[in-house]
C-alpha atoms as a PDB file:
ATOM      1  CA  UNK A   1     -19.510  -5.054  20.019  1.00  0.00           C
ATOM      2  CA  UNK A   2     -19.311  -2.995  16.878  1.00  0.00           C
ATOM      3  CA  UNK A   3     -15.972  -2.698  15.179  1.00  0.00           C
ATOM      4  CA  UNK A   4     -16.032   0.945  14.140  1.00  0.00           C
ATOM      5  CA  UNK A   5     -12.828   2.824  14.861  1.00  0.00           C
ATOM      6  CA  UNK A   6     -14.820   5.537  16.660  1.00  0.00           C
ATOM      7  CA  UNK A   7     -16.096   3.051  19.237  1.00  0.00           C
ATOM      8  CA  UNK A   8     -12.668   1.526  19.732  1.00  0.00           C
ATOM      9  CA  UNK A   9     -11.050   4.934  20.124  1.00  0.00           C
ATOM     10  CA  UNK A  10     -13.724   5.911  22.656  1.00  0.00           C
ATOM     11  CA  UNK A  11     -13.137   2.690  24.582  1.00  0.00           C
ATOM     12  CA  UNK A  12      -9.379   3.306  24.438  1.00  0.00           C
ATOM     13  CA  UNK A  13      -9.807   6.868  25.707  1.00  0.00           C
ATOM     14  CA  UNK A  14     -12.001   5.650  28.566  1.00  0.00           C
ATOM     15  CA  UNK A  15     -10.153   2.488  29.559  1.00  0.00           C
ATOM     16  CA  UNK A  16      -6.416   2.806  28.857  1.00  0.00           C
ATOM     17  CA  UNK A  17      -5.518   4.936  31.879  1.00  0.00           C
ATOM     18  CA  UNK A  18      -7.729   2.872  34.193  1.00  0.00           C
ATOM     19  CA  UNK A  19      -6.087  -0.374  33.004  1.00  0.00           C
ATOM     20  CA  UNK A  20      -2.611   1.150  33.273  1.00  0.00           C
ATOM     21  CA  UNK A  21      -3.228   2.278  36.873  1.00  0.00           C
ATOM     22  CA  UNK A  22      -4.643  -1.160  37.749  1.00  0.00           C
ATOM     23  CA  UNK A  23      -1.541  -2.897  36.411  1.00  0.00           C
ATOM     24  CA  UNK A  24       0.817  -0.492  38.185  1.00  0.00           C
ATOM     25  CA  UNK A  25      -1.003  -1.205  41.461  1.00  0.00           C
ATOM     26  CA  UNK A  26      -0.453  -4.913  40.752  1.00  0.00           C
ATOM     27  CA  UNK A  27       3.320  -4.357  40.578  1.00  0.00           C
ATOM     28  CA  UNK A  28       4.164  -3.535  36.971  1.00  0.00           C
ATOM     29  CA  UNK A  29       6.305  -0.542  36.098  1.00  0.00           C
ATOM     30  CA  UNK A  30       4.533   2.296  34.274  1.00  0.00           C
ATOM     31  CA  UNK A  31       6.228   1.544  30.907  1.00  0.00           C
ATOM     32  CA  UNK A  32       5.516  -2.183  31.226  1.00  0.00           C
ATOM     33  CA  UNK A  33       1.889  -1.455  32.117  1.00  0.00           C
ATOM     34  CA  UNK A  34       1.552   0.789  29.058  1.00  0.00           C
ATOM     35  CA  UNK A  35       2.950  -2.008  26.865  1.00  0.00           C
ATOM     36  CA  UNK A  36       0.562  -4.541  28.373  1.00  0.00           C
ATOM     37  CA  UNK A  37      -2.430  -2.240  27.798  1.00  0.00           C
ATOM     38  CA  UNK A  38      -1.396  -1.773  24.180  1.00  0.00           C
ATOM     39  CA  UNK A  39      -1.089  -5.547  23.747  1.00  0.00           C
ATOM     40  CA  UNK A  40      -4.525  -6.034  25.323  1.00  0.00           C
ATOM     41  CA  UNK A  41      -6.084  -3.644  22.808  1.00  0.00           C
ATOM     42  CA  UNK A  42      -4.310  -5.451  19.966  1.00  0.00           C
ATOM     43  CA  UNK A  43      -5.749  -8.707  21.286  1.00  0.00           C
ATOM     44  CA  UNK A  44      -9.196  -7.074  21.325  1.00  0.00           C
ATOM     45  CA  UNK A  45      -8.766  -5.993  17.695  1.00  0.00           C
ATOM     46  CA  UNK A  46      -7.866  -9.535  16.657  1.00  0.00           C
ATOM     47  CA  UNK A  47     -10.578 -11.292  18.679  1.00  0.00           C
ATOM     48  CA  UNK A  48     -13.770 -12.519  16.991  1.00  0.00           C
ATOM     49  CA  UNK A  49     -16.339  -9.812  17.751  1.00  0.00           C
ATOM     50  CA  UNK A  50     -19.169 -12.285  18.364  1.00  0.00           C
ATOM     51  CA  UNK A  51     -17.273 -13.904  21.266  1.00  0.00           C
ATOM     52  CA  UNK A  52     -16.996 -10.695  23.316  1.00  0.00           C
ATOM     53  CA  UNK A  53     -19.967  -9.783  25.493  1.00  0.00           C
ATOM     54  CA  UNK A  54     -18.352  -7.182  27.780  1.00  0.00           C
ATOM     55  CA  UNK A  55     -15.456  -5.299  26.187  1.00  0.00           C
ATOM     56  CA  UNK A  56     -14.211  -3.758  29.431  1.00  0.00           C
ATOM     57  CA  UNK A  57     -14.138  -7.116  31.232  1.00  0.00           C
ATOM     58  CA  UNK A  58     -12.407  -8.681  28.218  1.00  0.00           C
ATOM     59  CA  UNK A  59      -9.736  -5.942  28.223  1.00  0.00           C
ATOM     60  CA  UNK A  60      -9.108  -6.231  31.961  1.00  0.00           C
ATOM     61  CA  UNK A  61      -8.753 -10.016  31.809  1.00  0.00           C
ATOM     62  CA  UNK A  62      -6.559  -9.843  28.691  1.00  0.00           C
ATOM     63  CA  UNK A  63      -4.316  -7.243  30.349  1.00  0.00           C
ATOM     64  CA  UNK A  64      -3.965  -9.345  33.492  1.00  0.00           C
ATOM     65  CA  UNK A  65      -3.131 -12.449  31.458  1.00  0.00           C
ATOM     66  CA  UNK A  66      -0.543 -10.605  29.347  1.00  0.00           C
ATOM     67  CA  UNK A  67       0.993  -9.097  32.505  1.00  0.00           C
ATOM     68  CA  UNK A  68       1.291 -12.518  34.146  1.00  0.00           C
ATOM     69  CA  UNK A  69       2.950 -13.923  31.015  1.00  0.00           C
ATOM     70  CA  UNK A  70       5.409 -10.998  30.920  1.00  0.00           C
ATOM     71  CA  UNK A  71       6.226 -11.475  34.614  1.00  0.00           C
ATOM     72  CA  UNK A  72       6.840 -15.202  34.073  1.00  0.00           C
ATOM     73  CA  UNK A  73       9.105 -14.553  31.074  1.00  0.00           C
ATOM     74  CA  UNK A  74      11.111 -12.005  33.040  1.00  0.00           C
ATOM     75  CA  UNK A  75      11.613 -14.290  36.029  1.00  0.00           C
ATOM     76  CA  UNK A  76      12.403 -17.255  33.801  1.00  0.00           C
ATOM     77  CA  UNK A  77      15.138 -15.292  31.995  1.00  0.00           C
ATOM     78  CA  UNK A  78      16.543 -14.023  35.309  1.00  0.00           C
ATOM     79  CA  UNK A  79      16.849 -17.557  36.623  1.00  0.00           C
ATOM     80  CA  UNK A  80      18.450 -18.837  33.399  1.00  0.00           C
ATOM     81  CA  UNK A  81      21.095 -16.103  33.239  1.00  0.00           C
ATOM     82  CA  UNK A  82      23.197 -16.326  36.374  1.00  0.00           C
ATOM     83  CA  UNK A  83      25.773 -13.554  36.322  1.00  0.00           C
ATOM     84  CA  UNK A  84      27.432 -14.487  39.596  1.00  0.00           C
ATOM     85  CA  UNK A  85      30.082 -16.573  37.804  1.00  0.00           C
ATOM     86  CA  UNK A  86      31.278 -13.732  35.569  1.00  0.00           C
ATOM     87  CA  UNK A  87      34.264 -11.595  36.523  1.00  0.00           C
ATOM     88  CA  UNK A  88      33.070  -8.120  37.505  1.00  0.00           C
ATOM     89  CA  UNK A  89      35.218  -6.407  34.883  1.00  0.00           C
ATOM     90  CA  UNK A  90      33.340  -8.244  32.087  1.00  0.00           C
ATOM     91  CA  UNK A  91      29.947  -6.970  33.221  1.00  0.00           C
ATOM     92  CA  UNK A  92      29.006  -3.564  31.823  1.00  0.00           C
ATOM     93  CA  UNK A  93      28.442  -0.790  34.324  1.00  0.00           C
ATOM     94  CA  UNK A  94      24.683  -0.132  34.398  1.00  0.00           C
ATOM     95  CA  UNK A  95      25.166   3.465  35.565  1.00  0.00           C
ATOM     96  CA  UNK A  96      24.842   6.123  32.869  1.00  0.00           C
ATOM     97  CA  UNK A  97      27.979   7.950  31.816  1.00  0.00           C
ATOM     98  CA  UNK A  98      28.579  11.465  33.178  1.00  0.00           C
ATOM     99  CA  UNK A  99      27.865  12.891  29.707  1.00  0.00           C
ATOM    100  CA  UNK A 100      24.558  11.058  29.474  1.00  0.00           C
ATOM    101  CA  UNK A 101      23.624  12.215  32.978  1.00  0.00           C
ATOM    102  CA  UNK A 102      24.417  15.839  32.138  1.00  0.00           C
ATOM    103  CA  UNK A 103      22.453  15.675  28.867  1.00  0.00           C
ATOM    104  CA  UNK A 104      19.462  14.128  30.639  1.00  0.00           C
ATOM    105  CA  UNK A 105      19.539  16.868  33.277  1.00  0.00           C
ATOM    106  CA  UNK A 106      19.669  19.541  30.577  1.00  0.00           C
ATOM    107  CA  UNK A 107      16.746  17.939  28.736  1.00  0.00           C
ATOM    108  CA  UNK A 108      14.741  17.758  31.957  1.00  0.00           C
ATOM    109  CA  UNK A 109      15.446  21.417  32.712  1.00  0.00           C
ATOM    110  CA  UNK A 110      14.385  22.388  29.175  1.00  0.00           C
ATOM    111  CA  UNK A 111      11.204  20.319  29.492  1.00  0.00           C
ATOM    112  CA  UNK A 112      10.380  21.879  32.873  1.00  0.00           C
ATOM    113  CA  UNK A 113      10.878  25.361  31.393  1.00  0.00           C
ATOM    114  CA  UNK A 114       8.712  24.466  28.387  1.00  0.00           C
ATOM    115  CA  UNK A 115       5.937  23.166  30.648  1.00  0.00           C
ATOM    116  CA  UNK A 116       6.111  26.287  32.805  1.00  0.00           C
ATOM    117  CA  UNK A 117       5.812  28.446  29.659  1.00  0.00           C
ATOM    118  CA  UNK A 118       2.501  26.816  28.668  1.00  0.00           C
ATOM    119  CA  UNK A 119      -0.757  28.695  29.211  1.00  0.00           C
ATOM    120  CA  UNK A 120      -2.141  27.790  32.662  1.00  0.00           C
ATOM    121  CA  UNK A 121      -5.091  25.661  31.487  1.00  0.00           C
ATOM    122  CA  UNK A 122      -2.979  23.734  28.937  1.00  0.00           C
ATOM    123  CA  UNK A 123      -0.344  23.106  31.602  1.00  0.00           C
ATOM    124  CA  UNK A 124      -2.968  21.913  34.089  1.00  0.00           C
ATOM    125  CA  UNK A 125      -4.548  19.513  31.574  1.00  0.00           C
ATOM    126  CA  UNK A 126      -1.130  18.179  30.540  1.00  0.00           C
ATOM    127  CA  UNK A 127      -0.037  17.547  34.128  1.00  0.00           C
ATOM    128  CA  UNK A 128      -3.305  15.848  35.057  1.00  0.00           C
ATOM    129  CA  UNK A 129      -3.159  13.574  32.014  1.00  0.00           C
ATOM    130  CA  UNK A 130       0.533  12.745  31.712  1.00  0.00           C
ATOM    131  CA  UNK A 131       1.662  12.793  35.331  1.00  0.00           C
ATOM    132  CA  UNK A 132      -1.483  11.944  37.288  1.00  0.00           C
ATOM    133  CA  UNK A 133      -2.753   9.484  34.664  1.00  0.00           C
ATOM    134  CA  UNK A 134      -6.292  10.866  34.535  1.00  0.00           C
ATOM    135  CA  UNK A 135      -8.501  10.171  31.529  1.00  0.00           C
ATOM    136  CA  UNK A 136      -9.975  12.951  29.406  1.00  0.00           C
ATOM    137  CA  UNK A 137     -13.353  12.444  31.064  1.00  0.00           C
ATOM    138  CA  UNK A 138     -11.845  12.586  34.561  1.00  0.00           C
ATOM    139  CA  UNK A 139      -9.959  15.782  33.740  1.00  0.00           C
ATOM    140  CA  UNK A 140     -13.058  17.354  32.234  1.00  0.00           C
ATOM    141  CA  UNK A 141     -15.080  16.502  35.300  1.00  0.00           C
ATOM    142  CA  UNK A 142     -12.409  17.841  37.664  1.00  0.00           C
ATOM    143  CA  UNK A 143     -11.961  21.115  35.747  1.00  0.00           C
ATOM    144  CA  UNK A 144     -15.585  21.585  34.751  1.00  0.00           C
ATOM    145  CA  UNK A 145     -14.901  21.498  31.003  1.00  0.00           C
ATOM    146  CA  UNK A 146     -15.959  19.146  28.228  1.00  0.00           C
ATOM    147  CA  UNK A 147     -13.939  16.124  27.161  1.00  0.00           C
ATOM    148  CA  UNK A 148     -13.381  17.709  23.743  1.00  0.00           C
ATOM    149  CA  UNK A 149     -12.016  20.867  25.364  1.00  0.00           C
ATOM    150  CA  UNK A 150      -9.619  18.702  27.362  1.00  0.00           C
ATOM    151  CA  UNK A 151      -8.447  17.106  24.108  1.00  0.00           C
ATOM    152  CA  UNK A 152      -7.924  20.542  22.503  1.00  0.00           C
ATOM    153  CA  UNK A 153      -5.914  21.805  25.495  1.00  0.00           C
ATOM    154  CA  UNK A 154      -3.794  18.652  25.500  1.00  0.00           C
ATOM    155  CA  UNK A 155      -3.149  18.858  21.748  1.00  0.00           C
ATOM    156  CA  UNK A 156      -2.174  22.519  22.055  1.00  0.00           C
ATOM    157  CA  UNK A 157       0.132  21.734  24.979  1.00  0.00           C
ATOM    158  CA  UNK A 158       1.853  18.876  23.136  1.00  0.00           C
ATOM    159  CA  UNK A 159       2.312  20.990  19.999  1.00  0.00           C
ATOM    160  CA  UNK A 160       3.823  23.839  22.011  1.00  0.00           C
ATOM    161  CA  UNK A 161       6.124  21.446  23.908  1.00  0.00           C
ATOM    162  CA  UNK A 162       7.328  19.750  20.721  1.00  0.00           C
ATOM    163  CA  UNK A 163       8.033  23.106  19.103  1.00  0.00           C
ATOM    164  CA  UNK A 164       9.854  24.468  22.150  1.00  0.00           C
ATOM    165  CA  UNK A 165      11.897  21.287  22.668  1.00  0.00           C
ATOM    166  CA  UNK A 166      12.805  21.147  18.969  1.00  0.00           C
ATOM    167  CA  UNK A 167      13.898  24.777  19.056  1.00  0.00           C
ATOM    168  CA  UNK A 168      15.938  24.316  22.246  1.00  0.00           C
ATOM    169  CA  UNK A 169      17.753  21.189  21.007  1.00  0.00           C
ATOM    170  CA  UNK A 170      21.129  22.018  19.470  1.00  0.00           C
ATOM    171  CA  UNK A 171      21.642  20.704  15.964  1.00  0.00           C
ATOM    172  CA  UNK A 172      24.439  18.238  15.273  1.00  0.00           C
ATOM    173  CA  UNK A 173      27.355  19.441  13.203  1.00  0.00           C
END
């Protein structure tokens, strides 16, 4: 394996969504799977390059190992902390406050409006990548466009969303 950033970024672009979907199918939440994939790529960066024959196999095995370790840590901490002996009034309410709920709903409505305002192709690329978890290559194949064009549409969509969300967010006094 060569250690050029271009090769690693290409491998990341090709493999990260596939690994994430694999881990979600194995029972991890989407955010936890994303964290595990990131940790697997960090492990790849730190590994001696001469020891790795198949990068994709190495990443998959590293991700599975990291996921198992995370699952064990979580279950170990759950068994150590037994909250059944605490009075209910000392345990914080996990439900969000009404203000936080209202703010989250307003942010979601603003995001939906911003997504709807995107040009059709940018919106389609964004939804396929962010919500369906497709890679750039998969999106390009599905839409009949090049991978680079997918990247341009996604960059344009993200820039427009950031701008619109920044403009719609009220400033603090």
